[in-house]
Structures are given as C-alpha cells and as structure tokens.
C-alpha cells in the first residue's frame, strides 16, 4: 500500500508512512547526517586556515625590517688586489684575510694608512675565508678544505690547525664562543678551542630563512654580517637568529665596481677604541670608517 511506503522528500527527510518504514529511515539517515556534520566542520577548518594563511602573507608583505643608517667618518686606502674575506681588529692592528686559490693570504695592516705590515701566504690549494680574533690568537677559516688555521698575530705563524665539519664563510668571536656561517641560513655557535658545534641558530628575516650571510663581526648581543652579492649589512640577534636591523651600504661601492659580481661589499670590523666600524669590499681601493646608528 502507498501508506506503508516511505515518501522521500527533497530535503533528505522522510514523509508519512508506516512505523517500520520510519524506523528504517531514522537508522539510515543517522550516518548521512554525521557525514554532513563532519564535512561542514572540515570546510570551516579549511576556511579558518586559509584566512590565517592570508593574514600571515599579508603581514609579511607589508612588514619591513627596521632600517639603520651609517655615517662615513673617514675614507682610507685599501689594497685593490685583496679579495677580502675577513676583517678584524686586534688591539691597534687590523688583520685581513684575502681569498682565491693560489692567492690566499693573511695580512697585518695599518688601519690608518692601509700599509701591509706583514703577510702569510696560504698553500695554493687553500682558499682563505672568514677571520676572527679570539683569546690572543687569530682563527682563519678555509672555504671547502674543512680546516681552520690558528695564528700567532705577532708573527703570523700557524700554531694549530682545527678540523671543521662544514664549508667556511664568515667567522667572529664574542670572547666566549665563535659564530660562523657556511653559505646556508644557519649561524653556528662553536667551541673556540675544538670547533665543536654547540648550537645551530636559524637566521631569519621577517620569519623567512636568510641565506649567504658572509663576513661577520660579533658586537655585544649581535652579529653583524654582509649578505653576499648585496650592499646590505644585517644585524642579527645572536640568541634567536632574527635580523633586527639592516644597513644599506650601496653608496660606499666604488663607481667602477657597481654591478660587479665579484667586487662586492665584504669586510666589517669594529674598532673597540672608537666604537666605529671599518667597511670594505673585495678588490676595493678604499676602506671606510663609519658609525652605525640603530633604527630609532
């Protein structure tokens, strides 16, 4: 009979019919209703996640790293044949490492005149990289040779060699540990005696990993670094790896080297006596003494 059959409505419910039909309809509709509820919950979650993602992207696009400024105090001469890889003050002396295979050197330089007072040439199969002064010694990285050389700064003689488990780029000392980069986005905190990796710190700029931070200088709670093949100097919180400020050194690039893929900004050393910084680049004929002013 018609009265004993369930009448299916457009909305998925059941119309009038026998009690057995209504019970059967009730049991069969329960899983369907559950599926509908789960689908709606998933759709709502997807919408929430999409909105959150759009908010993050919008924030990243509109956010900016605070910009510091630099003031040139003095323009100094610099050896234009030096492929500068590291620059550091130790006492009243300036030490510089210069790279390239067959041409790598460590130099003691008069910071005022640019005169090279002493030189040690590395073997032709070593490419000199970052340089740090630590505990009365100089520590010089090599690029792909997985070794660091320890020098006596008074004689520029090698007093020790230390194995390194990564490529070598930038290096600096905060008086306790060494901080190092290798071309990626990690700032390595290392034991100054053994080079043991104590901590891998992700360098981030607006939450995004920042790669190729090169020549470094440790100053207090921060590490300053050159971003390879750019005119940007970044100020990194050494505890978190976060870039807290940037300095644009584009105006310092010698006119003849603007746009060069090789003669790039690469050399930063603080002079503790004055609080100023010495800045130069690979193959630059000049070096600048500058003051860095943090963002207001």
C-alpha atoms as a PDB file:
ATOM      1  CA  UNK A   1       0.000   0.000   0.000  1.00  0.00           C
ATOM      2  CA  UNK A   2       1.089   3.504  -0.592  1.00  0.00           C
ATOM      3  CA  UNK A   3       0.577   4.369   3.085  1.00  0.00           C
ATOM      4  CA  UNK A   4       3.098   1.701   4.119  1.00  0.00           C
ATOM      5  CA  UNK A   5       5.929   3.103   1.994  1.00  0.00           C
ATOM      6  CA  UNK A   6       8.207   5.963   2.984  1.00  0.00           C
ATOM      7  CA  UNK A   7       7.927   9.047   0.834  1.00  0.00           C
ATOM      8  CA  UNK A   8      11.357  10.577   0.230  1.00  0.00           C
ATOM      9  CA  UNK A   9      11.382  14.389   0.294  1.00  0.00           C
ATOM     10  CA  UNK A  10      13.816  16.718  -1.489  1.00  0.00           C
ATOM     11  CA  UNK A  11      15.492  17.700   1.757  1.00  0.00           C
ATOM     12  CA  UNK A  12      16.600  14.132   2.511  1.00  0.00           C
ATOM     13  CA  UNK A  13      13.989  13.558   5.245  1.00  0.00           C
ATOM     14  CA  UNK A  14      11.131  11.088   5.187  1.00  0.00           C
ATOM     15  CA  UNK A  15       7.408  11.815   4.897  1.00  0.00           C
ATOM     16  CA  UNK A  16       4.497   9.934   6.325  1.00  0.00           C
ATOM     17  CA  UNK A  17       4.497   6.129   6.186  1.00  0.00           C
ATOM     18  CA  UNK A  18       4.365   3.064   8.368  1.00  0.00           C
ATOM     19  CA  UNK A  19       6.162   2.961  11.715  1.00  0.00           C
ATOM     20  CA  UNK A  20       8.593   0.315  10.437  1.00  0.00           C
ATOM     21  CA  UNK A  21       9.457   2.477   7.465  1.00  0.00           C
ATOM     22  CA  UNK A  22      10.002   5.447   9.758  1.00  0.00           C
ATOM     23  CA  UNK A  23      12.335   3.425  11.998  1.00  0.00           C
ATOM     24  CA  UNK A  24      14.297   2.183   8.974  1.00  0.00           C
ATOM     25  CA  UNK A  25      14.534   5.715   7.630  1.00  0.00           C
ATOM     26  CA  UNK A  26      15.746   7.024  11.000  1.00  0.00           C
ATOM     27  CA  UNK A  27      18.528   4.427  11.199  1.00  0.00           C
ATOM     28  CA  UNK A  28      19.690   5.014   7.625  1.00  0.00           C
ATOM     29  CA  UNK A  29      19.693   8.820   7.939  1.00  0.00           C
ATOM     30  CA  UNK A  30      21.900   8.928  11.052  1.00  0.00           C
ATOM     31  CA  UNK A  31      25.198   8.114   9.265  1.00  0.00           C
ATOM     32  CA  UNK A  32      24.306  10.533   6.472  1.00  0.00           C
ATOM     33  CA  UNK A  33      23.700  13.347   8.953  1.00  0.00           C
ATOM     34  CA  UNK A  34      27.029  12.578  10.630  1.00  0.00           C
ATOM     35  CA  UNK A  35      28.819  12.778   7.297  1.00  0.00           C
ATOM     36  CA  UNK A  36      27.204  16.135   6.601  1.00  0.00           C
ATOM     37  CA  UNK A  37      28.316  17.451  10.011  1.00  0.00           C
ATOM     38  CA  UNK A  38      31.910  16.245   9.519  1.00  0.00           C
ATOM     39  CA  UNK A  39      32.007  17.795   6.042  1.00  0.00           C
ATOM     40  CA  UNK A  40      30.820  21.134   7.392  1.00  0.00           C
ATOM     41  CA  UNK A  41      33.384  21.082  10.216  1.00  0.00           C
ATOM     42  CA  UNK A  42      36.198  20.319   7.762  1.00  0.00           C
ATOM     43  CA  UNK A  43      35.054  23.102   5.465  1.00  0.00           C
ATOM     44  CA  UNK A  44      35.005  25.537   8.386  1.00  0.00           C
ATOM     45  CA  UNK A  45      38.527  24.490   9.444  1.00  0.00           C
ATOM     46  CA  UNK A  46      39.815  24.915   5.895  1.00  0.00           C
ATOM     47  CA  UNK A  47      38.329  28.398   5.804  1.00  0.00           C
ATOM     48  CA  UNK A  48      39.956  29.315   9.124  1.00  0.00           C
ATOM     49  CA  UNK A  49      43.347  28.011   7.952  1.00  0.00           C
ATOM     50  CA  UNK A  50      43.031  29.882   4.657  1.00  0.00           C
ATOM     51  CA  UNK A  51      42.216  33.143   6.440  1.00  0.00           C
ATOM     52  CA  UNK A  52      45.161  32.640   8.812  1.00  0.00           C
ATOM     53  CA  UNK A  53      47.498  31.999   5.870  1.00  0.00           C
ATOM     54  CA  UNK A  54      46.269  35.100   4.054  1.00  0.00           C
ATOM     55  CA  UNK A  55      46.818  37.134   7.220  1.00  0.00           C
ATOM     56  CA  UNK A  56      50.394  35.852   7.559  1.00  0.00           C
ATOM     57  CA  UNK A  57      51.193  36.508   3.902  1.00  0.00           C
ATOM     58  CA  UNK A  58      49.714  39.979   4.133  1.00  0.00           C
ATOM     59  CA  UNK A  59      51.729  40.735   7.245  1.00  0.00           C
ATOM     60  CA  UNK A  60      54.959  39.501   5.616  1.00  0.00           C
ATOM     61  CA  UNK A  61      54.309  41.585   2.521  1.00  0.00           C
ATOM     62  CA  UNK A  62      53.680  44.770   4.453  1.00  0.00           C
ATOM     63  CA  UNK A  63      56.242  44.288   7.261  1.00  0.00           C
ATOM     64  CA  UNK A  64      59.718  45.751   6.949  1.00  0.00           C
ATOM     65  CA  UNK A  65      62.989  45.192   8.748  1.00  0.00           C
ATOM     66  CA  UNK A  66      63.933  48.349  10.693  1.00  0.00           C
ATOM     67  CA  UNK A  67      66.490  50.353   8.730  1.00  0.00           C
ATOM     68  CA  UNK A  68      69.565  51.740  10.458  1.00  0.00           C
ATOM     69  CA  UNK A  69      71.806  54.404   8.999  1.00  0.00           C
ATOM     70  CA  UNK A  70      75.548  54.776   8.548  1.00  0.00           C
ATOM     71  CA  UNK A  71      77.730  57.858   8.607  1.00  0.00           C
ATOM     72  CA  UNK A  72      81.107  57.935   6.886  1.00  0.00           C
ATOM     73  CA  UNK A  73      83.734  59.301   9.257  1.00  0.00           C
ATOM     74  CA  UNK A  74      86.842  58.697   7.164  1.00  0.00           C
ATOM     75  CA  UNK A  75      87.875  57.264   3.807  1.00  0.00           C
ATOM     76  CA  UNK A  76      91.021  55.129   3.980  1.00  0.00           C
ATOM     77  CA  UNK A  77      93.221  53.425   1.376  1.00  0.00           C
ATOM     78  CA  UNK A  78      92.837  49.684   0.766  1.00  0.00           C
ATOM     79  CA  UNK A  79      94.818  47.227  -1.341  1.00  0.00           C
ATOM     80  CA  UNK A  80      92.802  46.863  -4.552  1.00  0.00           C
ATOM     81  CA  UNK A  81      94.271  43.406  -5.215  1.00  0.00           C
ATOM     82  CA  UNK A  82      92.894  41.995  -1.958  1.00  0.00           C
ATOM     83  CA  UNK A  83      89.953  39.622  -2.417  1.00  0.00           C
ATOM     84  CA  UNK A  84      88.739  40.482   1.086  1.00  0.00           C
ATOM     85  CA  UNK A  85      87.166  37.612   3.017  1.00  0.00           C
ATOM     86  CA  UNK A  86      87.719  38.564   6.657  1.00  0.00           C
ATOM     87  CA  UNK A  87      88.462  41.756   8.564  1.00  0.00           C
ATOM     88  CA  UNK A  88      89.081  42.079  12.298  1.00  0.00           C
ATOM     89  CA  UNK A  89      90.747  44.435  14.772  1.00  0.00           C
ATOM     90  CA  UNK A  90      93.033  43.016  17.450  1.00  0.00           C
ATOM     91  CA  UNK A  91      94.498  45.695  19.664  1.00  0.00           C
ATOM     92  CA  UNK A  92      95.675  48.544  17.434  1.00  0.00           C
ATOM     93  CA  UNK A  93      96.241  46.252  14.454  1.00  0.00           C
ATOM     94  CA  UNK A  94      93.897  45.393  11.614  1.00  0.00           C
ATOM     95  CA  UNK A  95      94.048  41.881  10.212  1.00  0.00           C
ATOM     96  CA  UNK A  96      92.640  40.888   6.846  1.00  0.00           C
ATOM     97  CA  UNK A  97      92.218  37.560   5.082  1.00  0.00           C
ATOM     98  CA  UNK A  98      92.179  37.529   1.285  1.00  0.00           C
ATOM     99  CA  UNK A  99      90.841  34.613  -0.734  1.00  0.00           C
ATOM    100  CA  UNK A 100      91.162  32.792  -4.072  1.00  0.00           C
ATOM    101  CA  UNK A 101      93.144  29.658  -4.767  1.00  0.00           C
ATOM    102  CA  UNK A 102      96.822  30.347  -5.259  1.00  0.00           C
ATOM    103  CA  UNK A 103      96.427  33.908  -3.927  1.00  0.00           C
ATOM    104  CA  UNK A 104      95.079  33.484  -0.389  1.00  0.00           C
ATOM    105  CA  UNK A 105      96.848  35.446   2.336  1.00  0.00           C
ATOM    106  CA  UNK A 106      96.584  36.641   5.907  1.00  0.00           C
ATOM    107  CA  UNK A 107      97.801  40.232   6.412  1.00  0.00           C
ATOM    108  CA  UNK A 108      98.530  42.596   9.262  1.00  0.00           C
ATOM    109  CA  UNK A 109      97.532  46.059   8.065  1.00  0.00           C
ATOM    110  CA  UNK A 110      97.958  49.566   9.400  1.00  0.00           C
ATOM    111  CA  UNK A 111      94.341  50.725   9.658  1.00  0.00           C
ATOM    112  CA  UNK A 112      95.203  54.380   9.091  1.00  0.00           C
ATOM    113  CA  UNK A 113      97.424  54.136   6.042  1.00  0.00           C
ATOM    114  CA  UNK A 114      96.369  50.797   4.603  1.00  0.00           C
ATOM    115  CA  UNK A 115     100.017  49.738   4.580  1.00  0.00           C
ATOM    116  CA  UNK A 116     100.541  45.962   4.693  1.00  0.00           C
ATOM    117  CA  UNK A 117     102.936  45.315   7.575  1.00  0.00           C
ATOM    118  CA  UNK A 118     103.197  41.513   7.346  1.00  0.00           C
ATOM    119  CA  UNK A 119     101.831  38.726   5.114  1.00  0.00           C
ATOM    120  CA  UNK A 120     101.472  34.960   5.335  1.00  0.00           C
ATOM    121  CA  UNK A 121     100.594  33.171   2.097  1.00  0.00           C
ATOM    122  CA  UNK A 122      98.500  30.030   2.259  1.00  0.00           C
ATOM    123  CA  UNK A 123      99.298  26.983   0.149  1.00  0.00           C
ATOM    124  CA  UNK A 124      97.756  27.119  -3.323  1.00  0.00           C
ATOM    125  CA  UNK A 125      95.093  24.506  -2.547  1.00  0.00           C
ATOM    126  CA  UNK A 126      93.593  26.547   0.320  1.00  0.00           C
ATOM    127  CA  UNK A 127      91.026  29.312  -0.140  1.00  0.00           C
ATOM    128  CA  UNK A 128      91.080  31.748   2.808  1.00  0.00           C
ATOM    129  CA  UNK A 129      87.712  32.806   4.212  1.00  0.00           C
ATOM    130  CA  UNK A 130      86.419  34.351   7.457  1.00  0.00           C
ATOM    131  CA  UNK A 131      88.727  35.601  10.189  1.00  0.00           C
ATOM    132  CA  UNK A 132      88.256  36.064  13.950  1.00  0.00           C
ATOM    133  CA  UNK A 133      90.412  37.262  16.846  1.00  0.00           C
ATOM    134  CA  UNK A 134      89.979  35.139  19.976  1.00  0.00           C
ATOM    135  CA  UNK A 135      91.976  34.849  23.197  1.00  0.00           C
ATOM    136  CA  UNK A 136      95.156  36.367  21.761  1.00  0.00           C
ATOM    137  CA  UNK A 137      95.035  34.269  18.582  1.00  0.00           C
ATOM    138  CA  UNK A 138      93.662  34.625  15.060  1.00  0.00           C
ATOM    139  CA  UNK A 139      91.406  31.933  13.631  1.00  0.00           C
ATOM    140  CA  UNK A 140      91.199  31.693   9.839  1.00  0.00           C
ATOM    141  CA  UNK A 141      88.595  29.602   8.024  1.00  0.00           C
ATOM    142  CA  UNK A 142      89.091  27.925   4.678  1.00  0.00           C
ATOM    143  CA  UNK A 143      86.293  27.619   2.158  1.00  0.00           C
ATOM    144  CA  UNK A 144      85.965  23.938   1.147  1.00  0.00           C
ATOM    145  CA  UNK A 145      89.039  22.451   2.782  1.00  0.00           C
ATOM    146  CA  UNK A 146      87.332  21.680   6.133  1.00  0.00           C
ATOM    147  CA  UNK A 147      90.137  23.127   8.231  1.00  0.00           C
ATOM    148  CA  UNK A 148      90.766  26.293  10.223  1.00  0.00           C
ATOM    149  CA  UNK A 149      94.227  27.680  10.903  1.00  0.00           C
ATOM    150  CA  UNK A 150      95.158  29.274  14.227  1.00  0.00           C
ATOM    151  CA  UNK A 151      97.781  32.031  14.013  1.00  0.00           C
ATOM    152  CA  UNK A 152     100.001  33.944  16.362  1.00  0.00           C
ATOM    153  CA  UNK A 153      99.118  37.553  15.458  1.00  0.00           C
ATOM    154  CA  UNK A 154     102.593  38.862  16.288  1.00  0.00           C
ATOM    155  CA  UNK A 155     104.381  36.557  13.836  1.00  0.00           C
ATOM    156  CA  UNK A 156     101.558  35.388  11.532  1.00  0.00           C
ATOM    157  CA  UNK A 157     102.846  31.883  12.118  1.00  0.00           C
ATOM    158  CA  UNK A 158     100.437  28.930  12.240  1.00  0.00           C
ATOM    159  CA  UNK A 159     100.313  27.448  15.739  1.00  0.00           C
ATOM    160  CA  UNK A 160      97.458  24.979  15.287  1.00  0.00           C
ATOM    161  CA  UNK A 161      95.002  23.511  12.796  1.00  0.00           C
ATOM    162  CA  UNK A 162      91.425  22.534  13.616  1.00  0.00           C
ATOM    163  CA  UNK A 163      89.106  20.303  11.555  1.00  0.00           C
ATOM    164  CA  UNK A 164      85.811  21.900  10.513  1.00  0.00           C
ATOM    165  CA  UNK A 165      82.717  19.878   9.611  1.00  0.00           C
ATOM    166  CA  UNK A 166      81.200  22.426   7.186  1.00  0.00           C
ATOM    167  CA  UNK A 167      82.281  24.820   4.477  1.00  0.00           C
ATOM    168  CA  UNK A 168      83.725  28.066   5.831  1.00  0.00           C
ATOM    169  CA  UNK A 169      82.295  31.524   5.133  1.00  0.00           C
ATOM    170  CA  UNK A 170      82.043  34.124   7.917  1.00  0.00           C
ATOM    171  CA  UNK A 171      83.551  33.965  11.396  1.00  0.00           C
ATOM    172  CA  UNK A 172      83.620  36.128  14.537  1.00  0.00           C
ATOM    173  CA  UNK A 173      84.208  35.798  18.269  1.00  0.00           C
ATOM    174  CA  UNK A 174      82.205  37.225  21.158  1.00  0.00           C
ATOM    175  CA  UNK A 175      85.039  36.469  23.579  1.00  0.00           C
ATOM    176  CA  UNK A 176      83.461  33.200  24.690  1.00  0.00           C
ATOM    177  CA  UNK A 177      82.420  31.327  21.545  1.00  0.00           C
ATOM    178  CA  UNK A 178      82.904  31.546  17.811  1.00  0.00           C
ATOM    179  CA  UNK A 179      79.994  32.291  15.484  1.00  0.00           C
ATOM    180  CA  UNK A 180      80.235  31.021  11.940  1.00  0.00           C
ATOM    181  CA  UNK A 181      78.323  30.754   8.658  1.00  0.00           C
ATOM    182  CA  UNK A 182      78.850  28.308   5.795  1.00  0.00           C
ATOM    183  CA  UNK A 183      76.773  29.743   2.944  1.00  0.00           C
ATOM    184  CA  UNK A 184      73.397  28.470   4.134  1.00  0.00           C
ATOM    185  CA  UNK A 185      70.976  30.047   6.591  1.00  0.00           C
ATOM    186  CA  UNK A 186      72.496  28.697   9.824  1.00  0.00           C
ATOM    187  CA  UNK A 187      74.586  30.642  12.319  1.00  0.00           C
ATOM    188  CA  UNK A 188      76.777  28.079  14.086  1.00  0.00           C
ATOM    189  CA  UNK A 189      77.847  28.718  17.660  1.00  0.00           C
ATOM    190  CA  UNK A 190      81.089  26.798  18.145  1.00  0.00           C
ATOM    191  CA  UNK A 191      83.579  25.990  20.856  1.00  0.00           C
ATOM    192  CA  UNK A 192      86.549  28.259  20.169  1.00  0.00           C
ATOM    193  CA  UNK A 193      89.129  25.589  21.006  1.00  0.00           C
ATOM    194  CA  UNK A 194      87.687  22.466  19.377  1.00  0.00           C
ATOM    195  CA  UNK A 195      85.200  23.952  16.855  1.00  0.00           C
ATOM    196  CA  UNK A 196      82.533  21.641  18.279  1.00  0.00           C
ATOM    197  CA  UNK A 197      79.068  22.755  17.188  1.00  0.00           C
ATOM    198  CA  UNK A 198      77.314  23.957  20.335  1.00  0.00           C
ATOM    199  CA  UNK A 199      74.195  25.348  18.679  1.00  0.00           C
ATOM    200  CA  UNK A 200      72.700  25.722  15.204  1.00  0.00           C
ATOM    201  CA  UNK A 201      70.799  29.015  15.047  1.00  0.00           C
ATOM    202  CA  UNK A 202      68.439  29.659  12.130  1.00  0.00           C
ATOM    203  CA  UNK A 203      68.979  33.133  10.650  1.00  0.00           C
ATOM    204  CA  UNK A 204      65.603  34.626   9.751  1.00  0.00           C
ATOM    205  CA  UNK A 205      64.465  37.829   8.098  1.00  0.00           C
ATOM    206  CA  UNK A 206      60.765  38.542   8.744  1.00  0.00           C
ATOM    207  CA  UNK A 207      60.349  34.880   9.653  1.00  0.00           C
ATOM    208  CA  UNK A 208      61.966  33.594   6.440  1.00  0.00           C
ATOM    209  CA  UNK A 209      65.412  31.905   6.447  1.00  0.00           C
ATOM    210  CA  UNK A 210      68.151  34.251   5.224  1.00  0.00           C
ATOM    211  CA  UNK A 211      70.962  32.610   3.261  1.00  0.00           C
ATOM    212  CA  UNK A 212      74.509  33.631   2.351  1.00  0.00           C
ATOM    213  CA  UNK A 213      75.381  35.864   5.286  1.00  0.00           C
ATOM    214  CA  UNK A 214      79.104  36.201   4.794  1.00  0.00           C
ATOM    215  CA  UNK A 215      81.835  38.126   6.636  1.00  0.00           C
ATOM    216  CA  UNK A 216      80.835  38.567  10.299  1.00  0.00           C
ATOM    217  CA  UNK A 217      81.560  40.809  13.279  1.00  0.00           C
ATOM    218  CA  UNK A 218      80.424  39.994  16.831  1.00  0.00           C
ATOM    219  CA  UNK A 219      79.437  43.049  18.901  1.00  0.00           C
ATOM    220  CA  UNK A 220      77.683  42.503  22.231  1.00  0.00           C
ATOM    221  CA  UNK A 221      74.402  40.643  21.765  1.00  0.00           C
ATOM    222  CA  UNK A 222      74.576  40.890  17.992  1.00  0.00           C
ATOM    223  CA  UNK A 223      76.355  39.532  14.962  1.00  0.00           C
ATOM    224  CA  UNK A 224      76.757  41.909  12.027  1.00  0.00           C
ATOM    225  CA  UNK A 225      77.115  40.314   8.622  1.00  0.00           C
ATOM    226  CA  UNK A 226      77.407  41.097   4.931  1.00  0.00           C
ATOM    227  CA  UNK A 227      74.768  39.496   2.721  1.00  0.00           C
ATOM    228  CA  UNK A 228      76.740  38.047  -0.185  1.00  0.00           C
ATOM    229  CA  UNK A 229      76.464  39.890  -3.513  1.00  0.00           C
ATOM    230  CA  UNK A 230      74.383  42.661  -1.983  1.00  0.00           C
ATOM    231  CA  UNK A 231      75.066  46.013  -0.350  1.00  0.00           C
ATOM    232  CA  UNK A 232      73.155  45.051   2.796  1.00  0.00           C
ATOM    233  CA  UNK A 233      74.629  44.616   6.263  1.00  0.00           C
ATOM    234  CA  UNK A 234      72.343  42.773   8.658  1.00  0.00           C
ATOM    235  CA  UNK A 235      72.288  42.995  12.435  1.00  0.00           C
ATOM    236  CA  UNK A 236      71.400  39.579  13.861  1.00  0.00           C
ATOM    237  CA  UNK A 237      70.291  38.783  17.390  1.00  0.00           C
ATOM    238  CA  UNK A 238      72.783  36.021  18.111  1.00  0.00           C
ATOM    239  CA  UNK A 239      70.462  34.323  20.611  1.00  0.00           C
ATOM    240  CA  UNK A 240      67.491  33.985  18.240  1.00  0.00           C
ATOM    241  CA  UNK A 241      68.986  34.402  14.764  1.00  0.00           C
ATOM    242  CA  UNK A 242      66.448  37.100  13.962  1.00  0.00           C
ATOM    243  CA  UNK A 243      67.525  40.032  11.777  1.00  0.00           C
ATOM    244  CA  UNK A 244      66.674  43.069  13.889  1.00  0.00           C
ATOM    245  CA  UNK A 245      68.065  45.801  11.614  1.00  0.00           C
ATOM    246  CA  UNK A 246      69.561  46.389   8.183  1.00  0.00           C
ATOM    247  CA  UNK A 247      72.065  48.940   6.886  1.00  0.00           C
ATOM    248  CA  UNK A 248      72.305  49.889   3.213  1.00  0.00           C
ATOM    249  CA  UNK A 249      75.914  50.434   2.125  1.00  0.00           C
ATOM    250  CA  UNK A 250      75.156  50.953  -1.581  1.00  0.00           C
ATOM    251  CA  UNK A 251      76.641  54.457  -1.517  1.00  0.00           C
ATOM    252  CA  UNK A 252      80.030  53.040  -0.464  1.00  0.00           C
ATOM    253  CA  UNK A 253      80.557  50.830  -3.504  1.00  0.00           C
ATOM    254  CA  UNK A 254      83.262  52.386  -5.713  1.00  0.00           C
ATOM    255  CA  UNK A 255      81.755  53.524  -9.056  1.00  0.00           C
ATOM    256  CA  UNK A 256      83.991  51.187 -11.057  1.00  0.00           C
ATOM    257  CA  UNK A 257      82.685  48.168  -9.128  1.00  0.00           C
ATOM    258  CA  UNK A 258      78.955  48.853  -9.094  1.00  0.00           C
ATOM    259  CA  UNK A 259      77.151  45.857 -10.527  1.00  0.00           C
ATOM    260  CA  UNK A 260      80.249  43.637 -10.333  1.00  0.00           C
ATOM    261  CA  UNK A 261      79.514  40.031  -9.263  1.00  0.00           C
ATOM    262  CA  UNK A 262      82.967  39.786  -7.652  1.00  0.00           C
ATOM    263  CA  UNK A 263      83.955  43.182  -6.238  1.00  0.00           C
ATOM    264  CA  UNK A 264      81.207  43.129  -3.630  1.00  0.00           C
ATOM    265  CA  UNK A 265      80.868  44.516  -0.126  1.00  0.00           C
ATOM    266  CA  UNK A 266      82.681  42.069   2.152  1.00  0.00           C
ATOM    267  CA  UNK A 267      84.582  43.223   5.193  1.00  0.00           C
ATOM    268  CA  UNK A 268      83.371  44.516   8.543  1.00  0.00           C
ATOM    269  CA  UNK A 269      85.382  45.095  11.710  1.00  0.00           C
ATOM    270  CA  UNK A 270      84.561  47.115  14.802  1.00  0.00           C
ATOM    271  CA  UNK A 271      87.257  49.307  16.309  1.00  0.00           C
ATOM    272  CA  UNK A 272      86.554  48.942  20.051  1.00  0.00           C
ATOM    273  CA  UNK A 273      88.580  52.054  20.851  1.00  0.00           C
ATOM    274  CA  UNK A 274      86.171  54.342  18.996  1.00  0.00           C
ATOM    275  CA  UNK A 275      83.086  52.174  18.506  1.00  0.00           C
ATOM    276  CA  UNK A 276      83.311  52.816  14.758  1.00  0.00           C
ATOM    277  CA  UNK A 277      83.315  50.157  12.060  1.00  0.00           C
ATOM    278  CA  UNK A 278      85.731  49.588   9.193  1.00  0.00           C
ATOM    279  CA  UNK A 279      83.987  48.518   5.979  1.00  0.00           C
ATOM    280  CA  UNK A 280      85.443  47.457   2.641  1.00  0.00           C
ATOM    281  CA  UNK A 281      84.877  45.036  -0.216  1.00  0.00           C
ATOM    282  CA  UNK A 282      86.643  42.568  -2.443  1.00  0.00           C
ATOM    283  CA  UNK A 283      89.120  44.346  -4.733  1.00  0.00           C
ATOM    284  CA  UNK A 284      88.068  47.769  -3.437  1.00  0.00           C
ATOM    285  CA  UNK A 285      90.699  50.529  -3.469  1.00  0.00           C
ATOM    286  CA  UNK A 286      89.113  52.161  -0.402  1.00  0.00           C
ATOM    287  CA  UNK A 287      88.029  51.288   3.109  1.00  0.00           C
ATOM    288  CA  UNK A 288      85.577  53.344   5.136  1.00  0.00           C
ATOM    289  CA  UNK A 289      85.434  54.158   8.808  1.00  0.00           C
ATOM    290  CA  UNK A 290      81.740  54.562   9.634  1.00  0.00           C
ATOM    291  CA  UNK A 291      79.353  54.941  12.503  1.00  0.00           C
ATOM    292  CA  UNK A 292      76.322  52.705  12.519  1.00  0.00           C
ATOM    293  CA  UNK A 293      73.157  54.178  14.014  1.00  0.00           C
ATOM    294  CA  UNK A 294      70.489  51.711  15.040  1.00  0.00           C
ATOM    295  CA  UNK A 295      66.878  52.370  13.993  1.00  0.00           C
ATOM    296  CA  UNK A 296      65.103  54.933  16.168  1.00  0.00           C
END
